[in-house]
N, C-alpha and C. Protein backbone atom coordinates (compact mmCIF):
# COMPACT_ATOMS: atom_id res chain seq x y z
N MET A 1 9.98 7.34 -12.71
CA MET A 1 9.37 6.82 -11.32
C MET A 1 11.27 6.51 -11.07
N ASP A 2 10.65 6.64 -9.47
CA ASP A 2 12.42 6.13 -8.50
C ASP A 2 13.01 5.03 -8.92
N GLN A 3 13.79 4.33 -9.35
CA GLN A 3 13.63 2.41 -8.97
C GLN A 3 14.78 2.55 -7.99
N SER A 4 15.14 3.53 -7.05
CA SER A 4 15.95 3.31 -6.02
C SER A 4 14.54 2.52 -5.05
N LEU A 5 13.75 3.06 -4.86
CA LEU A 5 12.59 2.08 -3.76
C LEU A 5 12.79 1.10 -3.44
N HIS A 6 12.78 0.72 -2.43
CA HIS A 6 12.80 -0.24 -1.57
C HIS A 6 11.22 -0.80 -1.42
N ALA A 7 11.18 -2.26 -1.41
CA ALA A 7 10.33 -2.85 -0.75
C ALA A 7 10.51 -4.34 -0.55
N ASP A 8 9.98 -4.99 1.46
CA ASP A 8 10.53 -5.69 1.86
C ASP A 8 9.55 -6.79 1.64
N ALA A 9 8.43 -6.39 0.89
CA ALA A 9 7.51 -7.26 0.31
C ALA A 9 6.29 -6.63 -1.07
N GLU A 10 6.25 -7.48 -1.96
CA GLU A 10 5.32 -6.80 -2.43
C GLU A 10 3.48 -8.08 -3.14
N TRP A 11 2.81 -7.14 -3.23
CA TRP A 11 1.44 -7.99 -2.80
C TRP A 11 1.00 -7.22 -4.53
N ASN A 12 0.47 -8.49 -5.42
CA ASN A 12 -0.68 -7.97 -6.26
C ASN A 12 -1.88 -7.94 -6.17
N ALA A 13 -2.41 -6.89 -5.74
CA ALA A 13 -4.15 -6.82 -5.37
C ALA A 13 -5.08 -6.97 -6.63
N GLY A 14 -4.70 -6.56 -7.92
CA GLY A 14 -5.18 -6.96 -9.25
C GLY A 14 -5.87 -5.90 -8.85
N HIS A 15 -7.88 -5.93 -9.24
CA HIS A 15 -8.85 -5.74 -9.41
C HIS A 15 -9.62 -5.69 -8.09
N LEU A 16 -8.96 -5.94 -7.01
CA LEU A 16 -9.38 -6.17 -5.75
C LEU A 16 -9.98 -4.54 -5.43
N GLY A 17 -11.64 -4.74 -5.31
CA GLY A 17 -11.93 -3.13 -4.68
C GLY A 17 -11.78 -3.01 -3.27
N CYS A 18 -12.26 -1.35 -2.95
CA CYS A 18 -11.33 -0.69 -1.77
C CYS A 18 -11.59 -1.57 -0.75
N GLY A 19 -12.83 -2.07 -0.25
CA GLY A 19 -13.33 -2.83 1.10
C GLY A 19 -12.04 -4.06 1.01
N PRO A 20 -12.03 -5.15 0.51
CA PRO A 20 -11.12 -6.42 0.06
C PRO A 20 -9.93 -5.59 0.33
N LEU A 21 -9.27 -5.28 -0.56
CA LEU A 21 -8.12 -4.66 -0.67
C LEU A 21 -7.66 -3.49 0.48
N VAL A 22 -8.34 -2.61 1.58
CA VAL A 22 -7.63 -2.24 2.50
C VAL A 22 -7.59 -3.10 3.87
N LEU A 23 -8.49 -4.17 3.88
CA LEU A 23 -8.68 -5.68 5.13
C LEU A 23 -7.12 -6.27 4.23
N ASP A 24 -7.08 -6.95 3.26
CA ASP A 24 -5.99 -7.50 3.13
C ASP A 24 -4.78 -6.40 3.32
N LEU A 25 -4.44 -5.33 3.08
CA LEU A 25 -3.77 -4.58 2.89
C LEU A 25 -3.30 -4.21 4.41
N ARG A 26 -3.87 -4.18 4.96
CA ARG A 26 -4.06 -3.98 6.85
C ARG A 26 -3.54 -5.44 7.56
N LYS A 27 -3.55 -6.22 7.47
CA LYS A 27 -3.26 -7.76 7.60
C LYS A 27 -1.55 -7.63 7.33
N ARG A 28 -1.32 -7.46 5.85
CA ARG A 28 -0.17 -7.42 5.43
C ARG A 28 0.59 -6.29 6.03
N LEU A 29 0.60 -4.86 6.30
CA LEU A 29 1.03 -3.78 6.59
C LEU A 29 1.59 -4.65 8.66
N ARG A 30 0.37 -5.28 8.74
CA ARG A 30 0.51 -4.85 10.33
C ARG A 30 1.55 -6.08 10.63
N ALA A 31 1.90 -6.99 10.27
CA ALA A 31 2.32 -8.08 9.82
C ALA A 31 4.03 -8.01 9.36
N MET A 32 3.82 -6.53 9.44
CA MET A 32 5.41 -6.16 9.06
C MET A 32 5.93 -4.23 9.14
N PRO A 33 5.65 -4.15 10.77
CA PRO A 33 5.71 -2.85 11.38
C PRO A 33 6.94 -2.59 10.90
N GLY A 34 7.20 -1.33 10.08
CA GLY A 34 8.37 -0.48 10.06
C GLY A 34 8.31 -1.45 8.43
N GLY A 35 8.08 -1.92 7.74
CA GLY A 35 8.42 -2.91 6.91
C GLY A 35 7.77 -1.84 5.54
N VAL A 36 8.41 -1.85 4.22
CA VAL A 36 7.88 -1.42 3.31
C VAL A 36 7.31 -2.36 2.23
N LEU A 37 6.13 -2.16 2.29
CA LEU A 37 5.40 -2.67 0.85
C LEU A 37 5.28 -2.08 -0.29
N LYS A 38 5.36 -3.20 -1.21
CA LYS A 38 4.64 -2.86 -2.84
C LYS A 38 3.18 -3.24 -3.21
N VAL A 39 2.49 -2.45 -3.29
CA VAL A 39 1.51 -2.73 -3.86
C VAL A 39 0.88 -2.00 -5.13
N ILE A 40 0.17 -3.21 -5.98
CA ILE A 40 -0.16 -2.85 -7.49
C ILE A 40 -1.30 -3.58 -7.03
N ALA A 41 -2.60 -2.44 -7.66
CA ALA A 41 -3.30 -1.80 -7.64
C ALA A 41 -4.15 -1.67 -8.44
N LEU A 42 -4.80 -2.56 -9.15
CA LEU A 42 -5.31 -1.85 -10.40
C LEU A 42 -6.93 -1.77 -10.55
N ASP A 43 -7.53 -1.95 -9.57
CA ASP A 43 -9.07 -1.04 -9.34
C ASP A 43 -8.78 0.42 -9.89
N ILE A 44 -9.92 0.90 -10.09
CA ILE A 44 -10.02 2.36 -11.01
C ILE A 44 -9.83 3.37 -9.94
N SER A 45 -10.71 2.92 -8.24
CA SER A 45 -10.53 4.03 -7.75
C SER A 45 -9.14 3.74 -6.54
N ALA A 46 -8.32 3.00 -6.86
CA ALA A 46 -7.10 2.83 -5.56
C ALA A 46 -6.16 3.85 -5.82
N PRO A 47 -6.31 5.07 -7.11
CA PRO A 47 -5.08 6.07 -6.76
C PRO A 47 -6.15 6.56 -5.62
N HIS A 48 -7.37 7.00 -5.30
CA HIS A 48 -7.66 7.58 -4.00
C HIS A 48 -8.13 7.10 -2.87
N ASP A 49 -8.37 5.44 -3.08
CA ASP A 49 -8.20 4.94 -1.26
C ASP A 49 -7.43 4.53 -0.68
N ILE A 50 -5.95 4.19 -1.68
CA ILE A 50 -5.41 4.09 -1.07
C ILE A 50 -4.27 5.19 -0.27
N PRO A 51 -4.12 6.50 -0.71
CA PRO A 51 -3.31 7.61 -0.05
C PRO A 51 -4.29 7.88 1.33
N ALA A 52 -5.98 7.80 0.87
CA ALA A 52 -7.09 7.95 2.29
C ALA A 52 -6.46 7.14 3.04
N TRP A 53 -6.64 6.17 2.53
CA TRP A 53 -6.69 4.81 3.65
C TRP A 53 -5.32 4.76 4.59
N CYS A 54 -4.26 5.68 4.01
CA CYS A 54 -2.88 5.69 4.54
C CYS A 54 -2.99 6.88 5.61
N ARG A 55 -3.47 7.59 4.75
CA ARG A 55 -3.71 9.07 6.68
C ARG A 55 -4.35 8.64 7.60
N LEU A 56 -5.45 7.96 7.31
CA LEU A 56 -6.52 7.84 7.77
C LEU A 56 -5.69 6.83 8.88
N THR A 57 -4.88 5.55 8.72
CA THR A 57 -4.31 4.71 9.22
C THR A 57 -2.93 5.12 9.94
N GLN A 58 -1.99 5.99 9.42
CA GLN A 58 -1.38 6.51 9.58
C GLN A 58 0.20 5.65 9.36
N ASN A 59 -0.07 5.00 8.35
CA ASN A 59 0.98 4.51 7.64
C ASN A 59 1.27 5.43 6.34
N ASP A 60 2.37 5.15 5.93
CA ASP A 60 3.28 6.35 4.94
C ASP A 60 3.31 5.51 3.84
N LEU A 61 2.53 6.57 2.88
CA LEU A 61 2.62 6.67 1.45
C LEU A 61 3.75 6.97 1.39
N LEU A 62 4.98 6.20 0.21
CA LEU A 62 6.02 6.85 0.34
C LEU A 62 6.41 7.09 -1.45
N ALA A 63 5.30 6.10 -2.17
CA ALA A 63 5.46 6.73 -3.54
C ALA A 63 3.85 5.98 -4.31
N HIS A 64 3.80 6.50 -5.49
CA HIS A 64 2.79 5.78 -6.12
C HIS A 64 3.03 6.31 -7.79
N ASP A 65 2.99 5.24 -8.39
CA ASP A 65 3.46 5.23 -10.20
C ASP A 65 2.46 4.88 -10.78
N PRO A 66 2.01 5.60 -10.95
CA PRO A 66 0.46 5.67 -11.80
C PRO A 66 0.73 5.10 -13.53
N THR A 67 1.64 4.90 -13.29
CA THR A 67 2.21 3.87 -15.65
C THR A 67 1.54 2.51 -14.92
N THR A 68 2.40 2.20 -13.99
CA THR A 68 2.27 0.63 -13.42
C THR A 68 1.35 0.06 -12.36
N SER A 69 0.57 1.62 -11.74
CA SER A 69 -0.27 0.93 -10.44
C SER A 69 0.32 0.67 -8.99
N SER A 70 1.25 0.76 -8.85
CA SER A 70 2.33 0.37 -7.94
C SER A 70 2.32 1.69 -7.21
N PHE A 71 2.56 1.18 -5.84
CA PHE A 71 2.62 2.28 -4.49
C PHE A 71 3.10 1.09 -3.24
N TRP A 72 4.21 2.25 -2.92
CA TRP A 72 5.12 1.73 -2.05
C TRP A 72 4.42 2.45 -0.51
N ILE A 73 4.00 1.61 0.23
CA ILE A 73 3.45 1.70 1.84
C ILE A 73 4.70 1.46 2.99
N ARG A 74 5.37 2.27 3.99
CA ARG A 74 5.81 2.35 4.99
C ARG A 74 4.88 1.86 6.03
N SER A 75 4.77 0.68 6.47
CA SER A 75 3.80 0.16 7.66
C SER A 75 4.13 1.12 9.07
N ARG A 76 3.16 1.31 9.96
CA ARG A 76 3.38 2.05 10.95
C ARG A 76 4.48 1.58 12.12
N GLN A 77 5.27 1.60 13.09
CA GLN A 77 5.84 0.68 14.03
C GLN A 77 4.86 -0.04 14.39
N ALA A 78 3.77 1.04 15.01
CA ALA A 78 2.91 0.09 16.59
C ALA A 78 1.70 0.29 15.63
N TRP A 79 1.28 -1.24 16.31
CA TRP A 79 0.26 -1.27 15.89
C TRP A 79 -0.60 -1.86 17.25
N SER A 80 -1.84 -2.05 17.44
CA SER A 80 -2.50 -2.51 18.75
C SER A 80 -3.27 -3.38 18.67
């Protein structure tokens, strides 16, 4: 994994399931337009749910490290 990835903030979502995870993720990313959030998500479906959610919401999934269950997501600039 590339250790040079920068994150403006980090959130350990633990074992939150898809629904609560993406609701909280949206709130956190919305508060930091253009910023990078490192998310640690241990739920078994997170490797499928987070990339799909990023595509649907136009946030950029920069990287995923399956060994640490970490995701780096750049928040989109414009939130309505």
